[in-house]
Amino acid sequence: MTVHPSRLSFTSREALGFTEAQCLYDPELHTGPADSGESPDEKDTRLLVAAEVCRICPLLGRCLNRAVAGTPEPGVWATFDAERFKTPFTERDTNAVPQGEAA
């Protein structure tokens, strides 16, 4: 299972180039609360907010590459819920990703 950038150790973040990832400021926003006391509405809202944070992250492309290259653990990866990586992407899907960093 591929570890979410917000949960990487400091050494791993440096080695993989994730020290500037926006998800580091609020990891729980991207990976969910430690307990399972989140209602469906709360989860939907959290996922939307996490995706907005991803959209402004300078490492969005790197995060997408990491998710596509492995089996991402649950969470929001480059604006997508990890569940999305279980099926192949189409060209339409990848056109939705900002082109700031090659995906």
Protein backbone atom coordinates (compact mmCIF):
# COMPACT_ATOMS: atom_id res chain seq x y z
CA MET A 1 0.00 0.00 0.00
CA THR A 2 1.38 3.42 -0.96
CA VAL A 3 1.58 5.79 2.01
CA HIS A 4 -0.21 9.13 1.64
CA PRO A 5 2.23 12.09 1.40
CA SER A 6 0.78 13.62 4.58
CA ARG A 7 1.71 10.46 6.52
CA LEU A 8 5.27 10.08 5.25
CA SER A 9 8.13 10.47 7.72
CA PHE A 10 10.15 13.67 7.45
CA THR A 11 13.05 11.73 5.91
CA SER A 12 10.77 10.11 3.32
CA ARG A 13 9.11 13.46 2.48
CA GLU A 14 12.55 14.92 1.80
CA ALA A 15 13.70 11.92 -0.24
CA LEU A 16 10.51 11.86 -2.35
CA GLY A 17 10.21 15.63 -2.74
CA PHE A 18 7.04 16.15 -0.71
CA THR A 19 8.27 18.74 1.81
CA GLU A 20 6.04 21.45 0.27
CA ALA A 21 2.88 19.33 0.00
CA GLN A 22 -0.19 21.27 1.15
CA CYS A 23 -1.72 18.19 2.80
CA LEU A 24 1.01 18.30 5.46
CA TYR A 25 -0.78 21.21 7.16
CA ASP A 26 -3.90 19.15 7.92
CA PRO A 27 -3.28 15.44 7.28
CA GLU A 28 -6.62 14.36 8.75
CA LEU A 29 -8.41 16.44 6.12
CA HIS A 30 -6.89 14.23 3.42
CA THR A 31 -6.84 10.84 5.15
CA GLY A 32 -9.89 11.05 7.42
CA PRO A 33 -10.26 11.09 11.17
CA ALA A 34 -8.53 8.47 13.31
CA ASP A 35 -11.90 7.34 14.64
CA SER A 36 -14.77 6.38 12.37
CA GLY A 37 -17.25 8.86 13.84
CA GLU A 38 -17.63 10.78 10.58
CA SER A 39 -21.12 11.02 9.07
CA PRO A 40 -21.57 10.60 5.30
CA ASP A 41 -22.27 14.34 4.96
CA GLU A 42 -19.17 15.21 6.97
CA LYS A 43 -17.07 12.88 4.82
CA ASP A 44 -18.43 14.38 1.58
CA THR A 45 -17.64 17.89 2.82
CA ARG A 46 -14.16 16.86 3.98
CA LEU A 47 -13.39 15.27 0.60
CA LEU A 48 -14.50 18.41 -1.26
CA VAL A 49 -12.36 20.67 0.93
CA ALA A 50 -9.36 18.32 0.64
CA ALA A 51 -9.69 18.36 -3.17
CA GLU A 52 -9.66 22.18 -3.11
CA VAL A 53 -6.43 22.10 -1.10
CA CYS A 54 -4.96 19.67 -3.64
CA ARG A 55 -5.84 22.02 -6.51
CA ILE A 56 -3.51 24.71 -5.12
CA CYS A 57 -0.72 22.30 -4.15
CA PRO A 58 2.49 22.74 -6.15
CA LEU A 59 3.03 18.97 -5.94
CA LEU A 60 -0.30 17.88 -7.37
CA GLY A 61 1.33 16.12 -10.34
CA ARG A 62 3.87 14.35 -8.15
CA CYS A 63 1.07 13.17 -5.86
CA LEU A 64 -0.94 11.89 -8.82
CA ASN A 65 2.10 10.01 -10.13
CA ARG A 66 2.64 8.42 -6.71
CA ALA A 67 -0.99 7.32 -6.50
CA VAL A 68 -1.09 5.92 -10.03
CA ALA A 69 2.23 4.08 -9.60
CA GLY A 70 1.10 2.13 -6.55
CA THR A 71 -1.93 1.16 -4.52
CA PRO A 72 -2.74 4.34 -2.60
CA GLU A 73 -3.95 4.05 0.96
CA PRO A 74 -7.36 5.61 1.65
CA GLY A 75 -7.48 9.37 1.34
CA VAL A 76 -7.54 12.21 -1.16
CA TRP A 77 -4.71 12.05 -3.68
CA ALA A 78 -4.27 14.87 -6.22
CA THR A 79 -7.98 15.83 -5.93
CA PHE A 80 -9.17 12.19 -6.28
CA ASP A 81 -10.47 9.80 -3.61
CA ALA A 82 -8.14 6.78 -3.44
CA GLU A 83 -11.08 4.61 -4.55
CA ARG A 84 -10.83 6.32 -7.95
CA PHE A 85 -7.46 4.67 -8.60
CA LYS A 86 -9.04 1.21 -8.68
CA THR A 87 -10.21 1.83 -12.26
CA PRO A 88 -8.17 3.11 -15.22
CA PHE A 89 -8.13 6.83 -15.93
CA THR A 90 -9.44 8.20 -19.20
CA GLU A 91 -8.03 11.17 -21.08
CA ARG A 92 -10.98 13.22 -19.81
CA ASP A 93 -10.00 12.44 -16.20
CA THR A 94 -6.40 13.52 -16.65
CA ASN A 95 -7.39 16.71 -18.47
CA ALA A 96 -9.03 17.82 -15.22
CA VAL A 97 -5.62 17.88 -13.49
CA PRO A 98 -3.84 21.28 -13.64
CA GLN A 99 -0.71 21.12 -15.76
CA GLY A 100 1.64 22.87 -13.29
CA GLU A 101 3.69 19.70 -12.91
CA ALA A 102 3.79 16.83 -15.36
CA ALA A 103 1.46 14.07 -14.30
